[in-house]
């Protein structure tokens, strides 16, 4: 199996030295498609992800009524999605507090932006605790929200649903770039790698991408219900947690300098 090794010089986001030995590029730690860089905890989370997706597929094919209950508002999969987005945000926040003195303002900005983004996603997923705490929607959300909930992603502006325009179309392109293009750019283009590391952006490991693609294909191909996206969001939340917990560039962006 071909191995790639990354070697960093200087501070995170700084210039990187690239060596070559027997035509093998050297870039921070060994990179393979295996799971050798995942700890027991990460492997358990990965197994949990795949089991939950397989169960969702099986239930959708054998008991559609029960499946609809699992993916309903504040249902099993939606709550898990919110939980792991919160955990991702919390994990990044802890890394920020622990390591901020070792990194630049650019790193602090990038990490805190991701902390806020993940926290926002979790809050939106459960309508900011509206049903948990039995909070009534304001008149604005009753009039302008497609589901009369206290959240932004279901707002309707004119006849345009923000959920479809931004949270479906735009974010789908963004997620595709993050999972499929960004890891390749980080690996192949030194200037892009330096930029990513400078802003503390966690990059998915090959095994993260493989697991997420497997889950996505199972969901899209085998689940016919329009609610299948609730299961996909759950898979996304778990993978994001694994990425921020231990990205491929963890030594470059989450280590004391």
C-alpha atoms as a PDB file:
ATOM      1  CA  UNK A   1       0.000   0.000   0.000  1.00  0.00           C
ATOM      2  CA  UNK A   2       1.358   3.446  -0.886  1.00  0.00           C
ATOM      3  CA  UNK A   3       2.132   5.594   2.139  1.00  0.00           C
ATOM      4  CA  UNK A   4       2.408   9.340   2.311  1.00  0.00           C
ATOM      5  CA  UNK A   5       4.239  11.101   5.128  1.00  0.00           C
ATOM      6  CA  UNK A   6       3.857  14.820   6.006  1.00  0.00           C
ATOM      7  CA  UNK A   7       6.703  16.866   7.552  1.00  0.00           C
ATOM      8  CA  UNK A   8       5.986  20.309   8.988  1.00  0.00           C
ATOM      9  CA  UNK A   9       8.462  23.123   9.438  1.00  0.00           C
ATOM     10  CA  UNK A  10       7.792  26.069  11.717  1.00  0.00           C
ATOM     11  CA  UNK A  11       4.441  27.116  13.162  1.00  0.00           C
ATOM     12  CA  UNK A  12       1.015  25.874  12.091  1.00  0.00           C
ATOM     13  CA  UNK A  13       0.077  27.326   8.773  1.00  0.00           C
ATOM     14  CA  UNK A  14       3.678  28.228   7.993  1.00  0.00           C
ATOM     15  CA  UNK A  15       5.860  27.001   5.179  1.00  0.00           C
ATOM     16  CA  UNK A  16       6.049  23.265   4.818  1.00  0.00           C
ATOM     17  CA  UNK A  17       9.048  21.352   3.607  1.00  0.00           C
ATOM     18  CA  UNK A  18       8.413  18.578   1.157  1.00  0.00           C
ATOM     19  CA  UNK A  19      10.981  15.811   0.863  1.00  0.00           C
ATOM     20  CA  UNK A  20      10.987  13.001  -1.587  1.00  0.00           C
ATOM     21  CA  UNK A  21      12.442   9.579  -1.095  1.00  0.00           C
ATOM     22  CA  UNK A  22      11.901   6.915  -3.731  1.00  0.00           C
ATOM     23  CA  UNK A  23       9.201   9.129  -5.245  1.00  0.00           C
ATOM     24  CA  UNK A  24       7.158   9.017  -2.028  1.00  0.00           C
ATOM     25  CA  UNK A  25       6.062  12.526  -0.983  1.00  0.00           C
ATOM     26  CA  UNK A  26       6.586  13.369   2.665  1.00  0.00           C
ATOM     27  CA  UNK A  27       3.896  15.444   4.249  1.00  0.00           C
ATOM     28  CA  UNK A  28       3.269  14.929   8.772  1.00  0.00           C
ATOM     29  CA  UNK A  29       2.319  11.388   9.636  1.00  0.00           C
ATOM     30  CA  UNK A  30       1.643   8.220   7.685  1.00  0.00           C
ATOM     31  CA  UNK A  31      -1.517   8.215   5.616  1.00  0.00           C
ATOM     32  CA  UNK A  32      -3.346   5.066   4.602  1.00  0.00           C
ATOM     33  CA  UNK A  33      -6.934   4.146   3.895  1.00  0.00           C
ATOM     34  CA  UNK A  34      -7.007   1.878   6.959  1.00  0.00           C
ATOM     35  CA  UNK A  35      -8.194   2.592  10.472  1.00  0.00           C
ATOM     36  CA  UNK A  36      -4.789   2.387  12.158  1.00  0.00           C
ATOM     37  CA  UNK A  37      -4.989   6.043  13.206  1.00  0.00           C
ATOM     38  CA  UNK A  38      -8.364   5.698  14.915  1.00  0.00           C
ATOM     39  CA  UNK A  39      -8.452   4.952  18.626  1.00  0.00           C
ATOM     40  CA  UNK A  40     -10.871   2.496  20.220  1.00  0.00           C
ATOM     41  CA  UNK A  41     -13.313   5.303  21.033  1.00  0.00           C
ATOM     42  CA  UNK A  42     -13.316   6.503  17.412  1.00  0.00           C
ATOM     43  CA  UNK A  43     -13.795   2.980  16.090  1.00  0.00           C
ATOM     44  CA  UNK A  44     -16.772   2.493  18.420  1.00  0.00           C
ATOM     45  CA  UNK A  45     -18.351   5.731  17.172  1.00  0.00           C
ATOM     46  CA  UNK A  46     -17.772   4.627  13.561  1.00  0.00           C
ATOM     47  CA  UNK A  47     -19.395   1.259  14.242  1.00  0.00           C
ATOM     48  CA  UNK A  48     -22.317   2.983  15.958  1.00  0.00           C
ATOM     49  CA  UNK A  49     -22.778   5.206  12.918  1.00  0.00           C
ATOM     50  CA  UNK A  50     -22.905   2.311  10.470  1.00  0.00           C
ATOM     51  CA  UNK A  51     -25.159   0.200  12.716  1.00  0.00           C
ATOM     52  CA  UNK A  52     -27.653   3.058  13.093  1.00  0.00           C
ATOM     53  CA  UNK A  53     -27.687   3.632   9.321  1.00  0.00           C
ATOM     54  CA  UNK A  54     -28.143  -0.078   8.548  1.00  0.00           C
ATOM     55  CA  UNK A  55     -30.951  -0.257  11.129  1.00  0.00           C
ATOM     56  CA  UNK A  56     -32.626   2.765   9.542  1.00  0.00           C
ATOM     57  CA  UNK A  57     -32.429   1.133   6.118  1.00  0.00           C
ATOM     58  CA  UNK A  58     -33.837  -2.157   7.427  1.00  0.00           C
ATOM     59  CA  UNK A  59     -36.700  -0.500   9.318  1.00  0.00           C
ATOM     60  CA  UNK A  60     -37.583   1.717   6.343  1.00  0.00           C
ATOM     61  CA  UNK A  61     -37.922  -1.404   4.187  1.00  0.00           C
ATOM     62  CA  UNK A  62     -39.841  -3.523   6.703  1.00  0.00           C
ATOM     63  CA  UNK A  63     -41.841  -1.108   8.858  1.00  0.00           C
ATOM     64  CA  UNK A  64     -42.323   2.280   7.220  1.00  0.00           C
ATOM     65  CA  UNK A  65     -44.669   3.516   9.955  1.00  0.00           C
ATOM     66  CA  UNK A  66     -42.083   2.932  12.678  1.00  0.00           C
ATOM     67  CA  UNK A  67     -39.396   4.487  10.479  1.00  0.00           C
ATOM     68  CA  UNK A  68     -41.443   7.684  10.196  1.00  0.00           C
ATOM     69  CA  UNK A  69     -41.589   7.855  13.997  1.00  0.00           C
ATOM     70  CA  UNK A  70     -37.825   7.496  14.262  1.00  0.00           C
ATOM     71  CA  UNK A  71     -37.208  10.391  11.873  1.00  0.00           C
ATOM     72  CA  UNK A  72     -39.987  12.716  13.045  1.00  0.00           C
ATOM     73  CA  UNK A  73     -39.367  16.102  14.680  1.00  0.00           C
ATOM     74  CA  UNK A  74     -37.526  15.567  17.976  1.00  0.00           C
ATOM     75  CA  UNK A  75     -37.279  11.897  17.095  1.00  0.00           C
ATOM     76  CA  UNK A  76     -34.411   9.487  17.660  1.00  0.00           C
ATOM     77  CA  UNK A  77     -32.255  10.501  14.686  1.00  0.00           C
ATOM     78  CA  UNK A  78     -32.845  14.242  14.998  1.00  0.00           C
ATOM     79  CA  UNK A  79     -31.866  14.227  18.663  1.00  0.00           C
ATOM     80  CA  UNK A  80     -28.712  12.227  17.910  1.00  0.00           C
ATOM     81  CA  UNK A  81     -27.831  14.703  15.173  1.00  0.00           C
ATOM     82  CA  UNK A  82     -28.163  17.640  17.557  1.00  0.00           C
ATOM     83  CA  UNK A  83     -26.218  15.794  20.263  1.00  0.00           C
ATOM     84  CA  UNK A  84     -23.192  15.089  18.070  1.00  0.00           C
ATOM     85  CA  UNK A  85     -23.180  18.584  16.581  1.00  0.00           C
ATOM     86  CA  UNK A  86     -23.135  19.976  20.127  1.00  0.00           C
ATOM     87  CA  UNK A  87     -20.351  17.529  21.030  1.00  0.00           C
ATOM     88  CA  UNK A  88     -18.370  18.609  17.958  1.00  0.00           C
ATOM     89  CA  UNK A  89     -18.742  22.265  18.921  1.00  0.00           C
ATOM     90  CA  UNK A  90     -17.828  21.518  22.551  1.00  0.00           C
ATOM     91  CA  UNK A  91     -14.785  19.462  21.512  1.00  0.00           C
ATOM     92  CA  UNK A  92     -13.474  22.266  19.311  1.00  0.00           C
ATOM     93  CA  UNK A  93     -14.123  24.822  22.049  1.00  0.00           C
ATOM     94  CA  UNK A  94     -12.045  22.761  24.485  1.00  0.00           C
ATOM     95  CA  UNK A  95      -9.213  22.517  21.961  1.00  0.00           C
ATOM     96  CA  UNK A  96      -9.408  26.280  21.497  1.00  0.00           C
ATOM     97  CA  UNK A  97      -9.162  26.969  25.232  1.00  0.00           C
ATOM     98  CA  UNK A  98      -6.276  24.541  25.607  1.00  0.00           C
ATOM     99  CA  UNK A  99      -4.223  25.619  22.591  1.00  0.00           C
ATOM    100  CA  UNK A 100      -5.073  29.244  21.803  1.00  0.00           C
ATOM    101  CA  UNK A 101      -1.842  30.582  23.308  1.00  0.00           C
ATOM    102  CA  UNK A 102       0.205  28.527  20.828  1.00  0.00           C
ATOM    103  CA  UNK A 103      -1.458  29.751  17.636  1.00  0.00           C
ATOM    104  CA  UNK A 104      -2.080  32.886  15.612  1.00  0.00           C
ATOM    105  CA  UNK A 105      -5.162  35.116  15.410  1.00  0.00           C
ATOM    106  CA  UNK A 106      -6.055  33.439  12.113  1.00  0.00           C
ATOM    107  CA  UNK A 107      -6.174  30.043  13.841  1.00  0.00           C
ATOM    108  CA  UNK A 108      -8.322  31.455  16.644  1.00  0.00           C
ATOM    109  CA  UNK A 109     -10.715  33.000  14.124  1.00  0.00           C
ATOM    110  CA  UNK A 110     -11.035  29.798  12.081  1.00  0.00           C
ATOM    111  CA  UNK A 111     -11.577  27.508  15.066  1.00  0.00           C
ATOM    112  CA  UNK A 112     -14.106  29.797  16.762  1.00  0.00           C
ATOM    113  CA  UNK A 113     -15.981  30.170  13.472  1.00  0.00           C
ATOM    114  CA  UNK A 114     -16.346  26.387  13.317  1.00  0.00           C
ATOM    115  CA  UNK A 115     -17.363  26.252  16.994  1.00  0.00           C
ATOM    116  CA  UNK A 116     -20.114  28.788  16.283  1.00  0.00           C
ATOM    117  CA  UNK A 117     -21.182  27.052  13.057  1.00  0.00           C
ATOM    118  CA  UNK A 118     -21.514  23.631  14.672  1.00  0.00           C
ATOM    119  CA  UNK A 119     -23.344  25.098  17.678  1.00  0.00           C
ATOM    120  CA  UNK A 120     -25.704  26.934  15.316  1.00  0.00           C
ATOM    121  CA  UNK A 121     -26.389  23.721  13.398  1.00  0.00           C
ATOM    122  CA  UNK A 122     -27.196  21.857  16.610  1.00  0.00           C
ATOM    123  CA  UNK A 123     -29.477  24.616  17.852  1.00  0.00           C
ATOM    124  CA  UNK A 124     -31.317  24.808  14.544  1.00  0.00           C
ATOM    125  CA  UNK A 125     -31.784  21.039  14.527  1.00  0.00           C
ATOM    126  CA  UNK A 126     -33.855  21.160  17.732  1.00  0.00           C
ATOM    127  CA  UNK A 127     -35.350  24.620  17.059  1.00  0.00           C
ATOM    128  CA  UNK A 128     -33.263  25.992  19.916  1.00  0.00           C
ATOM    129  CA  UNK A 129     -35.010  23.803  22.469  1.00  0.00           C
ATOM    130  CA  UNK A 130     -38.444  25.136  21.621  1.00  0.00           C
ATOM    131  CA  UNK A 131     -40.274  21.843  22.071  1.00  0.00           C
ATOM    132  CA  UNK A 132     -38.000  20.657  24.864  1.00  0.00           C
ATOM    133  CA  UNK A 133     -38.833  23.700  26.997  1.00  0.00           C
ATOM    134  CA  UNK A 134     -42.347  24.158  25.562  1.00  0.00           C
ATOM    135  CA  UNK A 135     -41.643  27.657  24.229  1.00  0.00           C
ATOM    136  CA  UNK A 136     -44.185  29.188  21.876  1.00  0.00           C
ATOM    137  CA  UNK A 137     -43.013  30.692  18.591  1.00  0.00           C
ATOM    138  CA  UNK A 138     -43.197  34.465  18.221  1.00  0.00           C
ATOM    139  CA  UNK A 139     -45.599  36.008  15.709  1.00  0.00           C
ATOM    140  CA  UNK A 140     -42.718  36.507  13.278  1.00  0.00           C
ATOM    141  CA  UNK A 141     -41.914  32.798  13.139  1.00  0.00           C
ATOM    142  CA  UNK A 142     -45.594  31.816  13.064  1.00  0.00           C
ATOM    143  CA  UNK A 143     -46.031  33.928   9.942  1.00  0.00           C
ATOM    144  CA  UNK A 144     -42.696  33.429   8.177  1.00  0.00           C
ATOM    145  CA  UNK A 145     -41.630  29.916   9.181  1.00  0.00           C
ATOM    146  CA  UNK A 146     -42.908  27.004   7.074  1.00  0.00           C
ATOM    147  CA  UNK A 147     -43.333  24.872  10.209  1.00  0.00           C
ATOM    148  CA  UNK A 148     -44.063  27.766  12.603  1.00  0.00           C
ATOM    149  CA  UNK A 149     -40.898  26.884  14.523  1.00  0.00           C
ATOM    150  CA  UNK A 150     -38.267  29.103  16.107  1.00  0.00           C
ATOM    151  CA  UNK A 151     -35.461  28.486  13.636  1.00  0.00           C
ATOM    152  CA  UNK A 152     -33.950  30.051  10.549  1.00  0.00           C
ATOM    153  CA  UNK A 153     -33.665  27.093   8.201  1.00  0.00           C
ATOM    154  CA  UNK A 154     -37.445  26.788   7.749  1.00  0.00           C
ATOM    155  CA  UNK A 155     -38.009  30.488   7.066  1.00  0.00           C
ATOM    156  CA  UNK A 156     -39.835  31.468   3.887  1.00  0.00           C
ATOM    157  CA  UNK A 157     -38.747  34.735   2.241  1.00  0.00           C
ATOM    158  CA  UNK A 158     -41.295  35.670  -0.382  1.00  0.00           C
ATOM    159  CA  UNK A 159     -41.898  32.288  -1.953  1.00  0.00           C
ATOM    160  CA  UNK A 160     -38.364  31.046  -1.409  1.00  0.00           C
ATOM    161  CA  UNK A 161     -37.701  28.471   1.307  1.00  0.00           C
ATOM    162  CA  UNK A 162     -34.313  29.082   2.906  1.00  0.00           C
ATOM    163  CA  UNK A 163     -34.135  25.396   3.790  1.00  0.00           C
ATOM    164  CA  UNK A 164     -34.085  24.467   0.112  1.00  0.00           C
ATOM    165  CA  UNK A 165     -32.046  27.397  -1.190  1.00  0.00           C
ATOM    166  CA  UNK A 166     -29.302  27.640   1.427  1.00  0.00           C
ATOM    167  CA  UNK A 167     -29.461  24.666   3.758  1.00  0.00           C
ATOM    168  CA  UNK A 168     -29.940  22.143   0.948  1.00  0.00           C
ATOM    169  CA  UNK A 169     -28.392  23.432  -2.283  1.00  0.00           C
ATOM    170  CA  UNK A 170     -25.591  25.686  -1.018  1.00  0.00           C
ATOM    171  CA  UNK A 171     -24.560  23.502   1.917  1.00  0.00           C
ATOM    172  CA  UNK A 172     -24.623  20.362  -0.245  1.00  0.00           C
ATOM    173  CA  UNK A 173     -22.013  21.948  -2.505  1.00  0.00           C
ATOM    174  CA  UNK A 174     -20.040  23.098   0.527  1.00  0.00           C
ATOM    175  CA  UNK A 175     -20.091  19.661   2.161  1.00  0.00           C
ATOM    176  CA  UNK A 176     -19.099  18.015  -1.115  1.00  0.00           C
ATOM    177  CA  UNK A 177     -16.111  20.346  -1.364  1.00  0.00           C
ATOM    178  CA  UNK A 178     -15.158  19.800   2.286  1.00  0.00           C
ATOM    179  CA  UNK A 179     -15.271  16.004   2.146  1.00  0.00           C
ATOM    180  CA  UNK A 180     -14.093  15.293  -1.400  1.00  0.00           C
ATOM    181  CA  UNK A 181     -11.978  18.219  -2.617  1.00  0.00           C
ATOM    182  CA  UNK A 182     -10.406  19.783   0.471  1.00  0.00           C
ATOM    183  CA  UNK A 183      -8.551  16.627   1.636  1.00  0.00           C
ATOM    184  CA  UNK A 184      -6.983  16.255  -1.816  1.00  0.00           C
ATOM    185  CA  UNK A 185      -5.959  19.918  -1.917  1.00  0.00           C
ATOM    186  CA  UNK A 186      -4.490  19.655   1.577  1.00  0.00           C
ATOM    187  CA  UNK A 187      -2.488  16.624   0.493  1.00  0.00           C
ATOM    188  CA  UNK A 188      -1.317  17.834  -2.914  1.00  0.00           C
ATOM    189  CA  UNK A 189      -1.037  21.651  -2.801  1.00  0.00           C
ATOM    190  CA  UNK A 190       1.419  23.062  -0.256  1.00  0.00           C
ATOM    191  CA  UNK A 191       0.000  26.611  -0.327  1.00  0.00           C
ATOM    192  CA  UNK A 192      -3.528  25.338   0.267  1.00  0.00           C
ATOM    193  CA  UNK A 193      -2.231  23.069   3.034  1.00  0.00           C
ATOM    194  CA  UNK A 194      -0.523  26.033   4.715  1.00  0.00           C
ATOM    195  CA  UNK A 195      -3.710  28.121   4.450  1.00  0.00           C
ATOM    196  CA  UNK A 196      -5.897  25.349   5.904  1.00  0.00           C
ATOM    197  CA  UNK A 197      -3.505  24.770   8.787  1.00  0.00           C
ATOM    198  CA  UNK A 198      -3.171  28.496   9.425  1.00  0.00           C
ATOM    199  CA  UNK A 199      -6.921  28.827  10.022  1.00  0.00           C
ATOM    200  CA  UNK A 200      -7.158  25.607  12.041  1.00  0.00           C
ATOM    201  CA  UNK A 201      -9.519  23.841   9.654  1.00  0.00           C
ATOM    202  CA  UNK A 202      -9.831  20.118  10.518  1.00  0.00           C
ATOM    203  CA  UNK A 203      -9.418  17.915   7.434  1.00  0.00           C
ATOM    204  CA  UNK A 204     -11.120  14.533   7.095  1.00  0.00           C
ATOM    205  CA  UNK A 205      -9.009  11.383   7.107  1.00  0.00           C
ATOM    206  CA  UNK A 206      -9.514   8.927   4.209  1.00  0.00           C
ATOM    207  CA  UNK A 207     -11.303   6.532   6.565  1.00  0.00           C
ATOM    208  CA  UNK A 208     -13.736   9.316   7.560  1.00  0.00           C
ATOM    209  CA  UNK A 209     -14.548   9.940   3.914  1.00  0.00           C
ATOM    210  CA  UNK A 210     -14.935   6.226   3.199  1.00  0.00           C
ATOM    211  CA  UNK A 211     -17.354   5.684   6.106  1.00  0.00           C
ATOM    212  CA  UNK A 212     -19.389   8.767   5.203  1.00  0.00           C
ATOM    213  CA  UNK A 213     -19.636   7.775   1.534  1.00  0.00           C
ATOM    214  CA  UNK A 214     -20.749   4.264   2.505  1.00  0.00           C
ATOM    215  CA  UNK A 215     -23.432   5.663   4.807  1.00  0.00           C
ATOM    216  CA  UNK A 216     -24.574   8.183   2.184  1.00  0.00           C
ATOM    217  CA  UNK A 217     -24.919   5.543  -0.530  1.00  0.00           C
ATOM    218  CA  UNK A 218     -26.877   3.209   1.761  1.00  0.00           C
ATOM    219  CA  UNK A 219     -29.256   6.018   2.704  1.00  0.00           C
ATOM    220  CA  UNK A 220     -29.794   7.450  -0.781  1.00  0.00           C
ATOM    221  CA  UNK A 221     -30.151   4.133  -2.591  1.00  0.00           C
ATOM    222  CA  UNK A 222     -32.119   2.037  -0.103  1.00  0.00           C
ATOM    223  CA  UNK A 223     -34.359   4.498   1.768  1.00  0.00           C
ATOM    224  CA  UNK A 224     -37.234   5.808  -0.339  1.00  0.00           C
ATOM    225  CA  UNK A 225     -38.874   8.032   2.289  1.00  0.00           C
ATOM    226  CA  UNK A 226     -38.380  11.781   1.915  1.00  0.00           C
ATOM    227  CA  UNK A 227     -37.350  11.729   5.586  1.00  0.00           C
ATOM    228  CA  UNK A 228     -34.167   9.841   4.716  1.00  0.00           C
ATOM    229  CA  UNK A 229     -32.288  13.120   5.019  1.00  0.00           C
ATOM    230  CA  UNK A 230     -32.785  12.984   8.783  1.00  0.00           C
ATOM    231  CA  UNK A 231     -30.688   9.803   8.782  1.00  0.00           C
ATOM    232  CA  UNK A 232     -28.113  11.433   6.502  1.00  0.00           C
ATOM    233  CA  UNK A 233     -27.843  14.416   8.856  1.00  0.00           C
ATOM    234  CA  UNK A 234     -27.207  11.984  11.702  1.00  0.00           C
ATOM    235  CA  UNK A 235     -24.369  10.352   9.724  1.00  0.00           C
ATOM    236  CA  UNK A 236     -22.946  13.779   8.913  1.00  0.00           C
ATOM    237  CA  UNK A 237     -23.009  14.860  12.571  1.00  0.00           C
ATOM    238  CA  UNK A 238     -21.137  11.746  13.721  1.00  0.00           C
ATOM    239  CA  UNK A 239     -18.507  12.061  11.010  1.00  0.00           C
ATOM    240  CA  UNK A 240     -17.999  15.742  11.833  1.00  0.00           C
ATOM    241  CA  UNK A 241     -17.445  14.769  15.463  1.00  0.00           C
ATOM    242  CA  UNK A 242     -14.813  12.218  14.422  1.00  0.00           C
ATOM    243  CA  UNK A 243     -13.109  14.762  12.176  1.00  0.00           C
ATOM    244  CA  UNK A 244     -12.842  17.525  14.780  1.00  0.00           C
ATOM    245  CA  UNK A 245     -11.814  14.951  17.384  1.00  0.00           C
ATOM    246  CA  UNK A 246      -8.909  13.603  15.320  1.00  0.00           C
ATOM    247  CA  UNK A 247      -8.415  15.153  11.855  1.00  0.00           C
ATOM    248  CA  UNK A 248      -5.637  14.126   9.505  1.00  0.00           C
ATOM    249  CA  UNK A 249      -3.879  17.436  10.235  1.00  0.00           C
ATOM    250  CA  UNK A 250      -4.211  17.109  14.007  1.00  0.00           C
ATOM    251  CA  UNK A 251      -0.450  17.557  14.546  1.00  0.00           C
ATOM    252  CA  UNK A 252      -0.463  20.753  12.512  1.00  0.00           C
ATOM    253  CA  UNK A 253      -3.505  22.419  14.087  1.00  0.00           C
ATOM    254  CA  UNK A 254      -4.116  20.786  17.477  1.00  0.00           C
ATOM    255  CA  UNK A 255      -0.699  20.342  19.092  1.00  0.00           C
ATOM    256  CA  UNK A 256       1.361  22.547  21.389  1.00  0.00           C
ATOM    257  CA  UNK A 257       4.098  24.363  19.521  1.00  0.00           C
END
